[in-house]
């Protein structure tokens, strides 16, 4: 449901949000009651569950109830306070919500991440002559993190924070290069165009996004999907960044493992280069 949100109509989005905000309670509602609660019609409910892949409303209710129970048991040790940040939250509640949303974003992304897509991305990056990354806002820091990691194991990796520089760089890529774009929504214009230009130039493209069917997901060759629990209070700064960093770590670790001995040697050398050594150690 989270992945489908950008492609849903307003009435369908309200239905999805009702399930996401309170899955156990919403799963107990009849179609008519759910429609009334969301200020829409039963017809919109039908369109909604069909759009996300269900043939019958009862199947959706069963899956939501089952998932809500599984999540409750799996995360029983987490603080009870979670969800979006409210006007009157105490500092203790803010800490609890930030920590819980981050933890759940990692857990959800672990379950949702396509293993085949990740394996393909690892293969592409490991064999690339050059890797160019780009993201806007909070996603740009995630792209920078990936560049730093790849450089530490001897890979040629660049990160572009200016959209014009990113587009010109993308135009110079070829079939031996990989372009990686990061966007939680998958609708950031500059990010989508960066991928489109790189792909037209001949590079293989990888997208890291929360919404596979977004414009970014549609234009990329490989899509690594996060399942972040983003809050409306700090969009782009809480669950999405944590989930993206997890995917980046998985991608980097896979690439490093593909040339284990060389990567370990590079990591030792780069570690030694930036750590102070006394005279006795030299």
C-alpha atoms as a PDB file:
ATOM      1  CA  UNK A   1       0.000   0.000   0.000  1.00  0.00           C
ATOM      2  CA  UNK A   2       2.824   2.400   0.827  1.00  0.00           C
ATOM      3  CA  UNK A   3       4.464   1.673  -2.509  1.00  0.00           C
ATOM      4  CA  UNK A   4       1.207   2.303  -4.374  1.00  0.00           C
ATOM      5  CA  UNK A   5       0.333   5.608  -2.672  1.00  0.00           C
ATOM      6  CA  UNK A   6       1.696   7.983  -5.368  1.00  0.00           C
ATOM      7  CA  UNK A   7      -0.278   6.232  -8.113  1.00  0.00           C
ATOM      8  CA  UNK A   8      -3.601   6.200  -6.239  1.00  0.00           C
ATOM      9  CA  UNK A   9      -6.496   8.586  -6.709  1.00  0.00           C
ATOM     10  CA  UNK A  10      -7.291  10.866  -3.736  1.00  0.00           C
ATOM     11  CA  UNK A  11     -10.205   8.697  -2.578  1.00  0.00           C
ATOM     12  CA  UNK A  12      -8.111   5.536  -2.893  1.00  0.00           C
ATOM     13  CA  UNK A  13      -5.247   7.210  -1.051  1.00  0.00           C
ATOM     14  CA  UNK A  14      -7.536   7.911   1.900  1.00  0.00           C
ATOM     15  CA  UNK A  15      -8.479   4.237   2.008  1.00  0.00           C
ATOM     16  CA  UNK A  16      -4.830   3.159   1.933  1.00  0.00           C
ATOM     17  CA  UNK A  17      -3.976   5.646   4.660  1.00  0.00           C
ATOM     18  CA  UNK A  18      -6.756   4.256   6.863  1.00  0.00           C
ATOM     19  CA  UNK A  19      -5.210   0.792   6.609  1.00  0.00           C
ATOM     20  CA  UNK A  20      -1.687   2.109   7.175  1.00  0.00           C
ATOM     21  CA  UNK A  21      -2.657   4.237  10.190  1.00  0.00           C
ATOM     22  CA  UNK A  22      -4.674   1.529  11.928  1.00  0.00           C
ATOM     23  CA  UNK A  23      -4.466  -1.800  10.084  1.00  0.00           C
ATOM     24  CA  UNK A  24      -6.063  -4.039  12.711  1.00  0.00           C
ATOM     25  CA  UNK A  25      -9.076  -1.772  13.207  1.00  0.00           C
ATOM     26  CA  UNK A  26      -9.571  -1.113   9.467  1.00  0.00           C
ATOM     27  CA  UNK A  27      -9.390  -4.825   8.661  1.00  0.00           C
ATOM     28  CA  UNK A  28     -12.484  -5.381  10.822  1.00  0.00           C
ATOM     29  CA  UNK A  29     -14.617  -2.918   8.869  1.00  0.00           C
ATOM     30  CA  UNK A  30     -17.097  -3.889   6.195  1.00  0.00           C
ATOM     31  CA  UNK A  31     -16.661  -2.324   2.797  1.00  0.00           C
ATOM     32  CA  UNK A  32     -19.510   0.111   3.453  1.00  0.00           C
ATOM     33  CA  UNK A  33     -18.125   1.116   6.866  1.00  0.00           C
ATOM     34  CA  UNK A  34     -14.638   1.627   5.458  1.00  0.00           C
ATOM     35  CA  UNK A  35     -16.014   3.774   2.652  1.00  0.00           C
ATOM     36  CA  UNK A  36     -17.976   5.881   5.134  1.00  0.00           C
ATOM     37  CA  UNK A  37     -14.970   6.340   7.402  1.00  0.00           C
ATOM     38  CA  UNK A  38     -12.839   7.493   4.455  1.00  0.00           C
ATOM     39  CA  UNK A  39     -15.511   9.802   3.047  1.00  0.00           C
ATOM     40  CA  UNK A  40     -15.828   7.887  -0.195  1.00  0.00           C
ATOM     41  CA  UNK A  41     -17.939   5.202  -1.852  1.00  0.00           C
ATOM     42  CA  UNK A  42     -17.836   1.377  -1.863  1.00  0.00           C
ATOM     43  CA  UNK A  43     -16.977   1.622  -5.546  1.00  0.00           C
ATOM     44  CA  UNK A  44     -13.760   3.425  -4.637  1.00  0.00           C
ATOM     45  CA  UNK A  45     -12.934   0.655  -2.174  1.00  0.00           C
ATOM     46  CA  UNK A  46     -13.371  -1.893  -4.969  1.00  0.00           C
ATOM     47  CA  UNK A  47     -11.111   0.120  -7.274  1.00  0.00           C
ATOM     48  CA  UNK A  48      -8.554   0.391  -4.486  1.00  0.00           C
ATOM     49  CA  UNK A  49      -8.197  -3.285  -3.649  1.00  0.00           C
ATOM     50  CA  UNK A  50      -8.143  -4.245  -7.308  1.00  0.00           C
ATOM     51  CA  UNK A  51      -5.471  -1.654  -8.030  1.00  0.00           C
ATOM     52  CA  UNK A  52      -3.150  -3.173  -5.420  1.00  0.00           C
ATOM     53  CA  UNK A  53      -3.705  -6.698  -6.716  1.00  0.00           C
ATOM     54  CA  UNK A  54      -6.677  -8.209  -4.877  1.00  0.00           C
ATOM     55  CA  UNK A  55      -9.694  -9.848  -6.487  1.00  0.00           C
ATOM     56  CA  UNK A  56     -11.835  -9.812  -3.331  1.00  0.00           C
ATOM     57  CA  UNK A  57     -12.164  -7.445  -0.384  1.00  0.00           C
ATOM     58  CA  UNK A  58     -12.170 -10.289   2.142  1.00  0.00           C
ATOM     59  CA  UNK A  59      -8.723 -11.406   0.942  1.00  0.00           C
ATOM     60  CA  UNK A  60      -7.367  -7.922   1.554  1.00  0.00           C
ATOM     61  CA  UNK A  61      -8.886  -7.838   5.051  1.00  0.00           C
ATOM     62  CA  UNK A  62      -7.402 -11.240   5.910  1.00  0.00           C
ATOM     63  CA  UNK A  63      -3.921 -10.245   4.712  1.00  0.00           C
ATOM     64  CA  UNK A  64      -4.008  -6.914   6.553  1.00  0.00           C
ATOM     65  CA  UNK A  65      -5.169  -8.559   9.791  1.00  0.00           C
ATOM     66  CA  UNK A  66      -2.496 -11.262   9.465  1.00  0.00           C
ATOM     67  CA  UNK A  67       0.240  -8.716   8.784  1.00  0.00           C
ATOM     68  CA  UNK A  68      -0.876  -6.514  11.683  1.00  0.00           C
ATOM     69  CA  UNK A  69      -0.682  -9.503  14.040  1.00  0.00           C
ATOM     70  CA  UNK A  70       2.712 -10.584  12.678  1.00  0.00           C
ATOM     71  CA  UNK A  71       4.102  -7.094  13.071  1.00  0.00           C
ATOM     72  CA  UNK A  72       2.761  -6.769  16.608  1.00  0.00           C
ATOM     73  CA  UNK A  73       4.457 -10.006  17.659  1.00  0.00           C
ATOM     74  CA  UNK A  74       7.698  -9.320  15.774  1.00  0.00           C
ATOM     75  CA  UNK A  75       8.109  -5.863  17.286  1.00  0.00           C
ATOM     76  CA  UNK A  76       6.672  -6.460  20.738  1.00  0.00           C
ATOM     77  CA  UNK A  77       9.830  -5.058  22.353  1.00  0.00           C
ATOM     78  CA  UNK A  78       9.545  -1.694  20.598  1.00  0.00           C
ATOM     79  CA  UNK A  79       8.030   1.320  22.413  1.00  0.00           C
ATOM     80  CA  UNK A  80       4.238   1.435  22.278  1.00  0.00           C
ATOM     81  CA  UNK A  81       4.277   5.039  21.031  1.00  0.00           C
ATOM     82  CA  UNK A  82       4.697   5.228  17.260  1.00  0.00           C
ATOM     83  CA  UNK A  83       3.266   6.918  14.173  1.00  0.00           C
ATOM     84  CA  UNK A  84       3.412  10.524  13.023  1.00  0.00           C
ATOM     85  CA  UNK A  85       4.676  13.324  15.235  1.00  0.00           C
ATOM     86  CA  UNK A  86       1.889  15.378  16.797  1.00  0.00           C
ATOM     87  CA  UNK A  87       1.765  18.982  17.981  1.00  0.00           C
ATOM     88  CA  UNK A  88       1.608  18.078  21.675  1.00  0.00           C
ATOM     89  CA  UNK A  89       4.131  15.204  21.751  1.00  0.00           C
ATOM     90  CA  UNK A  90       6.635  15.247  24.580  1.00  0.00           C
ATOM     91  CA  UNK A  91      10.342  14.930  23.864  1.00  0.00           C
ATOM     92  CA  UNK A  92      10.163  11.351  25.145  1.00  0.00           C
ATOM     93  CA  UNK A  93       7.380  10.564  22.655  1.00  0.00           C
ATOM     94  CA  UNK A  94       9.365  12.179  19.820  1.00  0.00           C
ATOM     95  CA  UNK A  95      12.390  10.005  20.625  1.00  0.00           C
ATOM     96  CA  UNK A  96      10.163   6.922  20.738  1.00  0.00           C
ATOM     97  CA  UNK A  97       8.470   7.680  17.422  1.00  0.00           C
ATOM     98  CA  UNK A  98      11.700   8.490  15.588  1.00  0.00           C
ATOM     99  CA  UNK A  99      13.364   5.291  16.866  1.00  0.00           C
ATOM    100  CA  UNK A 100      10.333   3.101  16.180  1.00  0.00           C
ATOM    101  CA  UNK A 101       9.756   4.449  12.664  1.00  0.00           C
ATOM    102  CA  UNK A 102      13.406   3.904  11.819  1.00  0.00           C
ATOM    103  CA  UNK A 103      13.428   0.367  13.197  1.00  0.00           C
ATOM    104  CA  UNK A 104      10.235  -0.574  11.368  1.00  0.00           C
ATOM    105  CA  UNK A 105      11.489   0.993   8.122  1.00  0.00           C
ATOM    106  CA  UNK A 106      14.567  -1.240   8.232  1.00  0.00           C
ATOM    107  CA  UNK A 107      12.516  -4.336   9.058  1.00  0.00           C
ATOM    108  CA  UNK A 108       9.958  -3.645   6.325  1.00  0.00           C
ATOM    109  CA  UNK A 109      12.665  -2.933   3.759  1.00  0.00           C
ATOM    110  CA  UNK A 110      14.436  -6.178   4.652  1.00  0.00           C
ATOM    111  CA  UNK A 111      11.237  -8.086   3.866  1.00  0.00           C
ATOM    112  CA  UNK A 112      10.332  -6.105   0.744  1.00  0.00           C
ATOM    113  CA  UNK A 113      13.746  -5.841  -0.939  1.00  0.00           C
ATOM    114  CA  UNK A 114      13.819  -7.871  -4.168  1.00  0.00           C
ATOM    115  CA  UNK A 115      16.765 -10.250  -3.808  1.00  0.00           C
ATOM    116  CA  UNK A 116      17.070 -10.814  -7.550  1.00  0.00           C
ATOM    117  CA  UNK A 117      17.128  -7.091  -8.230  1.00  0.00           C
ATOM    118  CA  UNK A 118      19.782  -6.617  -5.547  1.00  0.00           C
ATOM    119  CA  UNK A 119      21.913  -9.436  -6.972  1.00  0.00           C
ATOM    120  CA  UNK A 120      21.654  -7.859 -10.427  1.00  0.00           C
ATOM    121  CA  UNK A 121      22.620  -4.445  -9.029  1.00  0.00           C
ATOM    122  CA  UNK A 122      25.640  -5.947  -7.251  1.00  0.00           C
ATOM    123  CA  UNK A 123      26.734  -7.617 -10.491  1.00  0.00           C
ATOM    124  CA  UNK A 124      26.371  -4.383 -12.460  1.00  0.00           C
ATOM    125  CA  UNK A 125      28.234  -2.188  -9.979  1.00  0.00           C
ATOM    126  CA  UNK A 126      30.991  -4.770  -9.478  1.00  0.00           C
ATOM    127  CA  UNK A 127      31.617  -4.864 -13.215  1.00  0.00           C
ATOM    128  CA  UNK A 128      31.261  -1.146 -13.937  1.00  0.00           C
ATOM    129  CA  UNK A 129      34.131   0.993 -15.136  1.00  0.00           C
ATOM    130  CA  UNK A 130      32.552   3.952 -13.349  1.00  0.00           C
ATOM    131  CA  UNK A 131      29.552   4.504 -11.068  1.00  0.00           C
ATOM    132  CA  UNK A 132      27.746   7.864 -11.003  1.00  0.00           C
ATOM    133  CA  UNK A 133      25.246   8.627  -8.240  1.00  0.00           C
ATOM    134  CA  UNK A 134      22.691  11.370  -7.866  1.00  0.00           C
ATOM    135  CA  UNK A 135      19.979  12.387  -5.420  1.00  0.00           C
ATOM    136  CA  UNK A 136      18.233  15.571  -4.354  1.00  0.00           C
ATOM    137  CA  UNK A 137      17.851  16.794  -0.769  1.00  0.00           C
ATOM    138  CA  UNK A 138      18.163  14.054   1.852  1.00  0.00           C
ATOM    139  CA  UNK A 139      18.725  11.481  -0.914  1.00  0.00           C
ATOM    140  CA  UNK A 140      21.890  13.301  -1.954  1.00  0.00           C
ATOM    141  CA  UNK A 141      23.522  12.382   1.365  1.00  0.00           C
ATOM    142  CA  UNK A 142      22.670   8.728   0.793  1.00  0.00           C
ATOM    143  CA  UNK A 143      24.232   8.913  -2.666  1.00  0.00           C
ATOM    144  CA  UNK A 144      27.347  10.508  -1.140  1.00  0.00           C
ATOM    145  CA  UNK A 145      27.519   7.696   1.419  1.00  0.00           C
ATOM    146  CA  UNK A 146      27.497   5.115  -1.383  1.00  0.00           C
ATOM    147  CA  UNK A 147      30.256   6.954  -3.231  1.00  0.00           C
ATOM    148  CA  UNK A 148      32.469   7.036  -0.123  1.00  0.00           C
ATOM    149  CA  UNK A 149      31.971   3.323   0.439  1.00  0.00           C
ATOM    150  CA  UNK A 150      32.784   2.351  -3.147  1.00  0.00           C
ATOM    151  CA  UNK A 151      35.876   4.562  -3.259  1.00  0.00           C
ATOM    152  CA  UNK A 152      37.175   2.857  -0.105  1.00  0.00           C
ATOM    153  CA  UNK A 153      37.360  -0.466  -1.947  1.00  0.00           C
ATOM    154  CA  UNK A 154      39.046   1.006  -4.999  1.00  0.00           C
ATOM    155  CA  UNK A 155      36.001   1.563  -7.220  1.00  0.00           C
ATOM    156  CA  UNK A 156      35.702   4.632  -9.420  1.00  0.00           C
ATOM    157  CA  UNK A 157      32.588   6.336  -8.084  1.00  0.00           C
ATOM    158  CA  UNK A 158      31.314   9.884  -8.438  1.00  0.00           C
ATOM    159  CA  UNK A 159      28.485  11.703  -6.687  1.00  0.00           C
ATOM    160  CA  UNK A 160      26.750  14.696  -8.242  1.00  0.00           C
ATOM    161  CA  UNK A 161      24.899  17.138  -5.994  1.00  0.00           C
ATOM    162  CA  UNK A 162      24.220  19.767  -8.654  1.00  0.00           C
ATOM    163  CA  UNK A 163      21.487  18.788 -11.107  1.00  0.00           C
ATOM    164  CA  UNK A 164      23.148  20.445 -14.113  1.00  0.00           C
ATOM    165  CA  UNK A 165      26.466  18.739 -13.387  1.00  0.00           C
ATOM    166  CA  UNK A 166      24.635  15.449 -12.928  1.00  0.00           C
ATOM    167  CA  UNK A 167      22.923  15.734 -16.310  1.00  0.00           C
ATOM    168  CA  UNK A 168      26.095  16.632 -18.164  1.00  0.00           C
ATOM    169  CA  UNK A 169      27.940  13.769 -16.481  1.00  0.00           C
ATOM    170  CA  UNK A 170      25.120  11.377 -17.363  1.00  0.00           C
ATOM    171  CA  UNK A 171      25.422  12.348 -21.005  1.00  0.00           C
ATOM    172  CA  UNK A 172      29.074  11.244 -21.052  1.00  0.00           C
ATOM    173  CA  UNK A 173      28.422   7.728 -19.734  1.00  0.00           C
ATOM    174  CA  UNK A 174      28.518   4.600 -21.883  1.00  0.00           C
ATOM    175  CA  UNK A 175      27.755   0.916 -21.691  1.00  0.00           C
ATOM    176  CA  UNK A 176      30.587   0.260 -19.257  1.00  0.00           C
ATOM    177  CA  UNK A 177      29.102   2.643 -16.659  1.00  0.00           C
ATOM    178  CA  UNK A 178      26.321   2.467 -14.098  1.00  0.00           C
ATOM    179  CA  UNK A 179      24.151   5.375 -12.979  1.00  0.00           C
ATOM    180  CA  UNK A 180      22.436   5.132  -9.583  1.00  0.00           C
ATOM    181  CA  UNK A 181      19.612   7.487  -8.663  1.00  0.00           C
ATOM    182  CA  UNK A 182      17.990   7.786  -5.249  1.00  0.00           C
ATOM    183  CA  UNK A 183      14.544   9.259  -4.553  1.00  0.00           C
ATOM    184  CA  UNK A 184      12.035   8.257  -1.900  1.00  0.00           C
ATOM    185  CA  UNK A 185       9.016   9.391  -3.927  1.00  0.00           C
ATOM    186  CA  UNK A 186      10.461   8.487  -7.314  1.00  0.00           C
ATOM    187  CA  UNK A 187       8.927  11.663  -8.732  1.00  0.00           C
ATOM    188  CA  UNK A 188      11.788  14.163  -8.326  1.00  0.00           C
ATOM    189  CA  UNK A 189      12.125  15.676 -11.798  1.00  0.00           C
ATOM    190  CA  UNK A 190      15.909  16.162 -11.758  1.00  0.00           C
ATOM    191  CA  UNK A 191      16.502  12.601 -10.556  1.00  0.00           C
ATOM    192  CA  UNK A 192      14.237  11.059 -13.176  1.00  0.00           C
ATOM    193  CA  UNK A 193      15.902  13.087 -15.949  1.00  0.00           C
ATOM    194  CA  UNK A 194      19.376  12.090 -14.740  1.00  0.00           C
ATOM    195  CA  UNK A 195      18.443   8.432 -15.191  1.00  0.00           C
ATOM    196  CA  UNK A 196      16.772   9.037 -18.540  1.00  0.00           C
ATOM    197  CA  UNK A 197      19.857  10.816 -19.913  1.00  0.00           C
ATOM    198  CA  UNK A 198      22.237   8.159 -18.570  1.00  0.00           C
ATOM    199  CA  UNK A 199      20.148   5.380 -20.062  1.00  0.00           C
ATOM    200  CA  UNK A 200      19.984   7.110 -23.423  1.00  0.00           C
ATOM    201  CA  UNK A 201      23.786   7.464 -23.344  1.00  0.00           C
ATOM    202  CA  UNK A 202      24.080   3.695 -22.954  1.00  0.00           C
ATOM    203  CA  UNK A 203      24.687   3.303 -19.223  1.00  0.00           C
ATOM    204  CA  UNK A 204      22.829   0.774 -17.106  1.00  0.00           C
ATOM    205  CA  UNK A 205      20.640   2.515 -14.538  1.00  0.00           C
ATOM    206  CA  UNK A 206      19.670   1.597 -10.973  1.00  0.00           C
ATOM    207  CA  UNK A 207      16.975   3.311  -8.915  1.00  0.00           C
ATOM    208  CA  UNK A 208      16.561   3.217  -5.138  1.00  0.00           C
ATOM    209  CA  UNK A 209      13.017   4.327  -4.330  1.00  0.00           C
ATOM    210  CA  UNK A 210      10.033   3.576  -2.127  1.00  0.00           C
ATOM    211  CA  UNK A 211       7.681   3.416  -5.099  1.00  0.00           C
ATOM    212  CA  UNK A 212       8.509   0.924  -7.830  1.00  0.00           C
ATOM    213  CA  UNK A 213       5.763   2.168 -10.144  1.00  0.00           C
ATOM    214  CA  UNK A 214       6.892   5.783  -9.890  1.00  0.00           C
ATOM    215  CA  UNK A 215       8.379   7.682 -12.870  1.00  0.00           C
ATOM    216  CA  UNK A 216      11.869   6.855 -11.579  1.00  0.00           C
ATOM    217  CA  UNK A 217      11.020   3.182 -11.228  1.00  0.00           C
ATOM    218  CA  UNK A 218       9.607   3.087 -14.719  1.00  0.00           C
ATOM    219  CA  UNK A 219      12.709   4.554 -16.390  1.00  0.00           C
ATOM    220  CA  UNK A 220      15.405   2.580 -14.494  1.00  0.00           C
ATOM    221  CA  UNK A 221      16.774  -0.805 -15.592  1.00  0.00           C
ATOM    222  CA  UNK A 222      16.945  -2.146 -12.016  1.00  0.00           C
ATOM    223  CA  UNK A 223      14.781  -0.975  -9.105  1.00  0.00           C
ATOM    224  CA  UNK A 224      15.713  -1.518  -5.459  1.00  0.00           C
ATOM    225  CA  UNK A 225      12.580  -0.796  -3.454  1.00  0.00           C
ATOM    226  CA  UNK A 226      12.547   0.445   0.123  1.00  0.00           C
ATOM    227  CA  UNK A 227       9.533   0.166   2.426  1.00  0.00           C
ATOM    228  CA  UNK A 228      10.028   3.252   4.561  1.00  0.00           C
ATOM    229  CA  UNK A 229       7.521   4.536   7.091  1.00  0.00           C
ATOM    230  CA  UNK A 230       7.782   8.206   6.289  1.00  0.00           C
ATOM    231  CA  UNK A 231       6.149  10.805   8.507  1.00  0.00           C
ATOM    232  CA  UNK A 232       4.415  13.910   7.239  1.00  0.00           C
ATOM    233  CA  UNK A 233       6.251  16.015   9.848  1.00  0.00           C
ATOM    234  CA  UNK A 234       9.741  15.433   8.451  1.00  0.00           C
ATOM    235  CA  UNK A 235       9.264  14.130   4.949  1.00  0.00           C
ATOM    236  CA  UNK A 236      12.505  12.796   3.482  1.00  0.00           C
ATOM    237  CA  UNK A 237      14.368  12.841   6.769  1.00  0.00           C
ATOM    238  CA  UNK A 238      13.266   9.921   8.927  1.00  0.00           C
ATOM    239  CA  UNK A 239      12.248   6.483   7.693  1.00  0.00           C
ATOM    240  CA  UNK A 240      13.159   7.025   4.060  1.00  0.00           C
ATOM    241  CA  UNK A 241      16.794   7.901   4.693  1.00  0.00           C
ATOM    242  CA  UNK A 242      17.282   5.008   7.098  1.00  0.00           C
ATOM    243  CA  UNK A 243      15.776   2.556   4.596  1.00  0.00           C
ATOM    244  CA  UNK A 244      17.866   3.949   1.733  1.00  0.00           C
ATOM    245  CA  UNK A 245      21.054   3.659   3.773  1.00  0.00           C
ATOM    246  CA  UNK A 246      20.226   0.043   4.520  1.00  0.00           C
ATOM    247  CA  UNK A 247      19.839  -0.729   0.812  1.00  0.00           C
ATOM    248  CA  UNK A 248      23.086   1.108   0.072  1.00  0.00           C
ATOM    249  CA  UNK A 249      24.888  -0.952   2.725  1.00  0.00           C
ATOM    250  CA  UNK A 250      23.520  -4.182   1.246  1.00  0.00           C
ATOM    251  CA  UNK A 251      24.594  -3.117  -2.241  1.00  0.00           C
ATOM    252  CA  UNK A 252      28.058  -2.072  -1.103  1.00  0.00           C
ATOM    253  CA  UNK A 253      28.612  -5.220   0.946  1.00  0.00           C
ATOM    254  CA  UNK A 254      27.606  -7.381  -2.002  1.00  0.00           C
ATOM    255  CA  UNK A 255      30.032  -5.545  -4.281  1.00  0.00           C
ATOM    256  CA  UNK A 256      32.855  -5.782  -1.726  1.00  0.00           C
ATOM    257  CA  UNK A 257      32.228  -9.486  -1.221  1.00  0.00           C
ATOM    258  CA  UNK A 258      32.370 -10.144  -4.963  1.00  0.00           C
ATOM    259  CA  UNK A 259      36.103  -9.341  -4.818  1.00  0.00           C
ATOM    260  CA  UNK A 260      36.639 -10.209  -1.177  1.00  0.00           C
ATOM    261  CA  UNK A 261      40.454 -10.282  -0.918  1.00  0.00           C
ATOM    262  CA  UNK A 262      40.983  -7.095  -2.928  1.00  0.00           C
ATOM    263  CA  UNK A 263      38.234  -5.295  -1.017  1.00  0.00           C
ATOM    264  CA  UNK A 264      39.613  -6.310   2.369  1.00  0.00           C
ATOM    265  CA  UNK A 265      43.088  -5.155   1.369  1.00  0.00           C
ATOM    266  CA  UNK A 266      41.687  -1.820   0.190  1.00  0.00           C
ATOM    267  CA  UNK A 267      39.721  -1.367   3.410  1.00  0.00           C
ATOM    268  CA  UNK A 268      42.849  -2.046   5.493  1.00  0.00           C
ATOM    269  CA  UNK A 269      44.896   0.386   3.433  1.00  0.00           C
ATOM    270  CA  UNK A 270      42.316   3.165   3.542  1.00  0.00           C
ATOM    271  CA  UNK A 271      41.813   2.643   7.283  1.00  0.00           C
ATOM    272  CA  UNK A 272      45.554   2.977   7.863  1.00  0.00           C
ATOM    273  CA  UNK A 273      45.743   6.087   5.695  1.00  0.00           C
ATOM    274  CA  UNK A 274      43.332   8.084   7.835  1.00  0.00           C
ATOM    275  CA  UNK A 275      44.335   6.923  11.332  1.00  0.00           C
ATOM    276  CA  UNK A 276      47.143   8.516  13.303  1.00  0.00           C
ATOM    277  CA  UNK A 277      50.095   6.314  14.106  1.00  0.00           C
ATOM    278  CA  UNK A 278      52.687   7.004  16.804  1.00  0.00           C
ATOM    279  CA  UNK A 279      56.417   7.000  16.111  1.00  0.00           C
ATOM    280  CA  UNK A 280      56.748   3.550  17.684  1.00  0.00           C
ATOM    281  CA  UNK A 281      54.187   2.145  15.248  1.00  0.00           C
ATOM    282  CA  UNK A 282      55.847   3.525  12.110  1.00  0.00           C
END
